[in-house]
C-alpha cells in the first residue's frame, strides 16, 4: 500500500470511529511515514553532498579570483539589464 492509500484508510477508520480499526490504521500510517522519511533522507543525501562540494568549489574560486568573479558578475548583471530593458520596451510598444 502507498502512503496515500494508508492515509485514506485512516480517514475512513476515523469516520467510522471504531477504536481498533482507527488504532490499526494509525499505526500503519505512522509506519509508512517513518519509512517514507527514511527513504527521502536516503535519496536526498547525495544531493546535499553534491551541493556542499559545489559550494566549496565556488568558495575556492571566489577567494582565489575575487576581481574576476566581480567582473563576471557585473557583466552578467549588465547583460540581464539590457535584455530586460529591450523586452520591457518591446512590451510597451505593443
N, C-alpha and C. Protein backbone atom coordinates (compact mmCIF):
# COMPACT_ATOMS: atom_id res chain seq x y z
N UNK A 1 0.84 -1.19 0.00
CA UNK A 1 0.00 0.00 0.00
C UNK A 1 0.88 1.25 0.00
N UNK A 2 0.35 2.30 -0.54
CA UNK A 2 1.09 3.54 -0.57
C UNK A 2 0.71 4.41 0.61
N UNK A 3 1.46 5.45 0.79
CA UNK A 3 1.20 6.38 1.88
C UNK A 3 -0.17 7.03 1.72
N UNK A 4 -0.57 7.31 0.49
CA UNK A 4 -1.87 7.94 0.23
C UNK A 4 -3.01 6.99 0.59
N UNK A 5 -2.91 5.75 0.16
CA UNK A 5 -3.98 4.80 0.48
C UNK A 5 -4.04 4.52 1.98
N UNK A 6 -2.88 4.52 2.64
CA UNK A 6 -2.88 4.36 4.09
C UNK A 6 -3.56 5.54 4.77
N UNK A 7 -3.31 6.73 4.27
CA UNK A 7 -3.96 7.92 4.82
C UNK A 7 -5.46 7.88 4.60
N UNK A 8 -5.88 7.42 3.42
CA UNK A 8 -7.31 7.29 3.15
C UNK A 8 -7.94 6.26 4.07
N UNK A 9 -7.24 5.17 4.31
CA UNK A 9 -7.76 4.15 5.22
C UNK A 9 -7.90 4.70 6.63
N UNK A 10 -6.94 5.53 7.04
CA UNK A 10 -7.02 6.14 8.37
C UNK A 10 -8.21 7.09 8.46
N UNK A 11 -8.45 7.83 7.40
CA UNK A 11 -9.60 8.74 7.39
C UNK A 11 -10.92 7.96 7.44
N UNK A 12 -11.00 6.88 6.69
CA UNK A 12 -12.21 6.05 6.73
C UNK A 12 -12.41 5.44 8.11
N UNK A 13 -11.30 5.00 8.71
CA UNK A 13 -11.40 4.43 10.05
C UNK A 13 -11.83 5.48 11.06
N UNK A 14 -11.36 6.69 10.89
CA UNK A 14 -11.74 7.77 11.80
C UNK A 14 -13.21 8.12 11.62
N UNK A 15 -13.71 8.03 10.39
CA UNK A 15 -15.11 8.34 10.13
C UNK A 15 -16.03 7.32 10.78
N UNK A 16 -15.61 6.07 10.75
CA UNK A 16 -16.44 5.03 11.36
C UNK A 16 -16.24 4.99 12.87
N UNK A 17 -15.17 5.59 13.37
CA UNK A 17 -14.88 5.75 14.80
C UNK A 17 -14.79 4.43 15.56
N UNK A 18 -14.34 3.40 14.89
CA UNK A 18 -14.08 2.13 15.57
C UNK A 18 -12.69 2.20 16.18
N UNK A 19 -12.57 1.95 17.44
CA UNK A 19 -11.30 2.09 18.14
C UNK A 19 -10.21 1.21 17.60
N UNK A 20 -10.52 -0.06 17.33
CA UNK A 20 -9.49 -0.99 16.85
C UNK A 20 -9.04 -0.66 15.43
N UNK A 21 -9.99 -0.37 14.55
CA UNK A 21 -9.61 -0.08 13.17
C UNK A 21 -8.87 1.25 13.08
N UNK A 22 -9.26 2.22 13.91
CA UNK A 22 -8.56 3.50 13.93
C UNK A 22 -7.13 3.34 14.42
N UNK A 23 -6.94 2.57 15.47
CA UNK A 23 -5.60 2.34 16.00
C UNK A 23 -4.73 1.60 14.99
N UNK A 24 -5.31 0.61 14.31
CA UNK A 24 -4.55 -0.15 13.32
C UNK A 24 -4.17 0.75 12.14
N UNK A 25 -5.11 1.56 11.68
CA UNK A 25 -4.82 2.45 10.56
C UNK A 25 -3.78 3.49 10.95
N UNK A 26 -3.89 3.99 12.16
CA UNK A 26 -2.92 4.98 12.63
C UNK A 26 -1.52 4.38 12.71
N UNK A 27 -1.43 3.19 13.24
CA UNK A 27 -0.13 2.52 13.34
C UNK A 27 0.47 2.30 11.96
N UNK A 28 -0.38 1.89 11.03
CA UNK A 28 0.10 1.64 9.67
C UNK A 28 0.57 2.94 9.01
N UNK A 29 -0.19 4.02 9.18
CA UNK A 29 0.20 5.30 8.59
C UNK A 29 1.50 5.79 9.22
N UNK A 30 1.64 5.66 10.53
CA UNK A 30 2.87 6.09 11.20
C UNK A 30 4.07 5.30 10.68
N UNK A 31 3.89 4.01 10.49
CA UNK A 31 4.97 3.17 9.98
C UNK A 31 5.36 3.59 8.56
N UNK A 32 4.35 3.88 7.73
CA UNK A 32 4.64 4.30 6.36
C UNK A 32 5.30 5.68 6.32
N UNK A 33 4.88 6.58 7.20
CA UNK A 33 5.50 7.89 7.27
C UNK A 33 6.97 7.79 7.66
N UNK A 34 7.28 6.94 8.62
CA UNK A 34 8.68 6.75 9.02
C UNK A 34 9.48 6.17 7.86
N UNK A 35 8.88 5.22 7.16
CA UNK A 35 9.55 4.61 6.02
C UNK A 35 9.78 5.63 4.90
N UNK A 36 8.77 6.46 4.64
CA UNK A 36 8.91 7.49 3.61
C UNK A 36 9.96 8.52 4.01
N UNK A 37 10.00 8.88 5.29
CA UNK A 37 11.01 9.82 5.76
C UNK A 37 12.41 9.28 5.62
N UNK A 38 12.59 8.00 5.93
CA UNK A 38 13.90 7.38 5.79
C UNK A 38 14.31 7.31 4.32
N UNK A 39 13.35 6.97 3.45
CA UNK A 39 13.66 6.90 2.02
C UNK A 39 14.01 8.28 1.47
N UNK A 40 13.28 9.30 1.91
CA UNK A 40 13.58 10.67 1.46
C UNK A 40 14.95 11.11 1.93
N UNK A 41 15.28 10.78 3.15
CA UNK A 41 16.60 11.13 3.68
C UNK A 41 17.71 10.44 2.89
N UNK A 42 17.48 9.18 2.57
CA UNK A 42 18.48 8.41 1.82
C UNK A 42 18.66 8.96 0.40
N UNK A 43 17.57 9.35 -0.23
CA UNK A 43 17.63 9.87 -1.59
C UNK A 43 18.22 11.27 -1.64
N UNK A 44 17.93 12.08 -0.63
CA UNK A 44 18.38 13.47 -0.66
C UNK A 44 19.83 13.64 -0.24
N UNK A 45 20.42 12.65 0.39
CA UNK A 45 21.79 12.77 0.87
C UNK A 45 22.80 13.03 -0.25
N UNK A 46 22.73 12.32 -1.39
CA UNK A 46 23.68 12.64 -2.48
C UNK A 46 23.52 14.07 -3.00
N UNK A 47 22.30 14.59 -3.02
CA UNK A 47 22.07 15.96 -3.47
C UNK A 47 22.73 16.93 -2.49
N UNK A 48 22.56 16.67 -1.21
CA UNK A 48 23.17 17.54 -0.19
C UNK A 48 24.69 17.50 -0.30
N UNK A 49 25.24 16.29 -0.48
CA UNK A 49 26.70 16.17 -0.61
C UNK A 49 27.21 16.90 -1.84
N UNK A 50 26.50 16.77 -2.96
CA UNK A 50 26.90 17.46 -4.19
C UNK A 50 26.82 18.97 -4.04
N UNK A 51 25.81 19.44 -3.35
CA UNK A 51 25.67 20.88 -3.12
C UNK A 51 26.81 21.40 -2.27
N UNK A 52 27.18 20.64 -1.25
CA UNK A 52 28.29 21.06 -0.40
C UNK A 52 29.60 21.11 -1.19
N UNK A 53 29.82 20.12 -2.05
CA UNK A 53 31.03 20.12 -2.87
C UNK A 53 31.04 21.32 -3.83
N UNK A 54 29.90 21.60 -4.43
CA UNK A 54 29.80 22.75 -5.33
C UNK A 54 30.03 24.07 -4.62
N UNK A 55 29.48 24.18 -3.42
CA UNK A 55 29.68 25.40 -2.64
C UNK A 55 31.14 25.56 -2.24
N UNK A 56 31.79 24.46 -1.88
CA UNK A 56 33.21 24.53 -1.52
C UNK A 56 34.06 24.94 -2.73
N UNK A 57 33.73 24.40 -3.90
CA UNK A 57 34.47 24.76 -5.12
C UNK A 57 34.25 26.23 -5.47
N UNK A 58 33.01 26.71 -5.32
CA UNK A 58 32.73 28.13 -5.59
C UNK A 58 33.47 29.02 -4.61
N UNK A 59 33.55 28.59 -3.36
CA UNK A 59 34.27 29.36 -2.34
C UNK A 59 35.75 29.48 -2.70
N UNK A 60 36.35 28.38 -3.15
CA UNK A 60 37.76 28.40 -3.54
C UNK A 60 37.95 29.32 -4.74
N UNK A 61 37.05 29.27 -5.70
CA UNK A 61 37.16 30.12 -6.89
C UNK A 61 37.05 31.59 -6.53
N UNK A 62 36.07 31.93 -5.71
CA UNK A 62 35.86 33.33 -5.35
C UNK A 62 37.02 33.86 -4.53
N UNK A 63 37.52 33.07 -3.63
CA UNK A 63 38.65 33.52 -2.80
C UNK A 63 39.94 33.61 -3.62
N UNK A 64 40.07 32.77 -4.64
CA UNK A 64 41.27 32.79 -5.47
C UNK A 64 41.27 33.89 -6.51
N UNK A 65 40.10 34.26 -7.01
CA UNK A 65 40.00 35.25 -8.09
C UNK A 65 38.84 36.21 -7.81
N UNK A 66 38.92 37.00 -6.77
CA UNK A 66 37.77 37.84 -6.41
C UNK A 66 37.42 38.89 -7.46
N UNK A 67 38.42 39.50 -8.08
CA UNK A 67 38.12 40.55 -9.05
C UNK A 67 37.55 39.98 -10.34
N UNK A 68 38.00 38.81 -10.71
CA UNK A 68 37.44 38.16 -11.90
C UNK A 68 35.98 37.83 -11.68
N UNK A 69 35.68 37.28 -10.51
CA UNK A 69 34.30 36.94 -10.18
C UNK A 69 33.44 38.20 -10.13
N UNK A 70 33.95 39.26 -9.56
CA UNK A 70 33.20 40.51 -9.51
C UNK A 70 32.94 41.04 -10.91
N UNK A 71 33.95 40.99 -11.77
CA UNK A 71 33.78 41.47 -13.15
C UNK A 71 32.76 40.66 -13.92
N UNK A 72 32.81 39.35 -13.78
CA UNK A 72 31.85 38.48 -14.47
C UNK A 72 30.44 38.74 -13.93
N UNK A 73 30.32 38.93 -12.64
CA UNK A 73 29.01 39.20 -12.04
C UNK A 73 28.44 40.52 -12.54
N UNK A 74 29.27 41.54 -12.61
CA UNK A 74 28.82 42.83 -13.12
C UNK A 74 28.41 42.73 -14.58
N UNK A 75 29.21 42.03 -15.38
CA UNK A 75 28.88 41.86 -16.79
C UNK A 75 27.56 41.10 -16.97
N UNK A 76 27.36 40.08 -16.17
CA UNK A 76 26.10 39.33 -16.26
C UNK A 76 24.92 40.20 -15.85
N UNK A 77 25.10 41.03 -14.84
CA UNK A 77 24.03 41.93 -14.43
C UNK A 77 23.70 42.96 -15.49
N UNK A 78 24.72 43.51 -16.13
CA UNK A 78 24.51 44.49 -17.20
C UNK A 78 23.80 43.82 -18.38
N UNK A 79 24.24 42.62 -18.75
CA UNK A 79 23.60 41.91 -19.87
C UNK A 79 22.14 41.60 -19.55
N UNK A 80 21.87 41.16 -18.33
CA UNK A 80 20.48 40.88 -17.95
C UNK A 80 19.66 42.15 -17.96
N UNK A 81 20.23 43.25 -17.51
CA UNK A 81 19.53 44.53 -17.53
C UNK A 81 19.19 44.98 -18.94
N UNK A 82 20.12 44.79 -19.85
CA UNK A 82 19.88 45.17 -21.25
C UNK A 82 18.76 44.33 -21.84
N UNK A 83 18.81 43.03 -21.61
CA UNK A 83 17.76 42.15 -22.14
C UNK A 83 16.41 42.52 -21.56
N UNK A 84 16.35 42.74 -20.26
CA UNK A 84 15.09 43.12 -19.62
C UNK A 84 14.60 44.46 -20.15
N UNK A 85 15.53 45.39 -20.35
CA UNK A 85 15.15 46.69 -20.91
C UNK A 85 14.56 46.58 -22.29
N UNK A 86 15.18 45.78 -23.16
CA UNK A 86 14.65 45.58 -24.51
C UNK A 86 13.29 44.93 -24.47
N UNK A 87 13.12 43.92 -23.62
CA UNK A 87 11.83 43.24 -23.53
C UNK A 87 10.76 44.17 -22.99
N UNK A 88 11.09 45.00 -22.01
CA UNK A 88 10.12 45.94 -21.46
C UNK A 88 9.75 46.98 -22.49
N UNK A 89 10.73 47.48 -23.25
CA UNK A 89 10.45 48.47 -24.29
C UNK A 89 9.57 47.87 -25.37
N UNK A 90 9.83 46.64 -25.74
CA UNK A 90 9.02 45.97 -26.77
C UNK A 90 7.58 45.79 -26.28
N UNK A 91 7.45 45.44 -25.02
CA UNK A 91 6.12 45.22 -24.46
C UNK A 91 5.35 46.53 -24.40
N UNK A 92 6.02 47.62 -24.10
CA UNK A 92 5.34 48.92 -24.05
C UNK A 92 4.90 49.38 -25.43
N UNK A 93 5.69 49.03 -26.45
CA UNK A 93 5.32 49.40 -27.83
C UNK A 93 4.12 48.64 -28.32
N UNK A 94 3.96 47.41 -27.87
CA UNK A 94 2.87 46.55 -28.37
C UNK A 94 1.55 46.88 -27.75
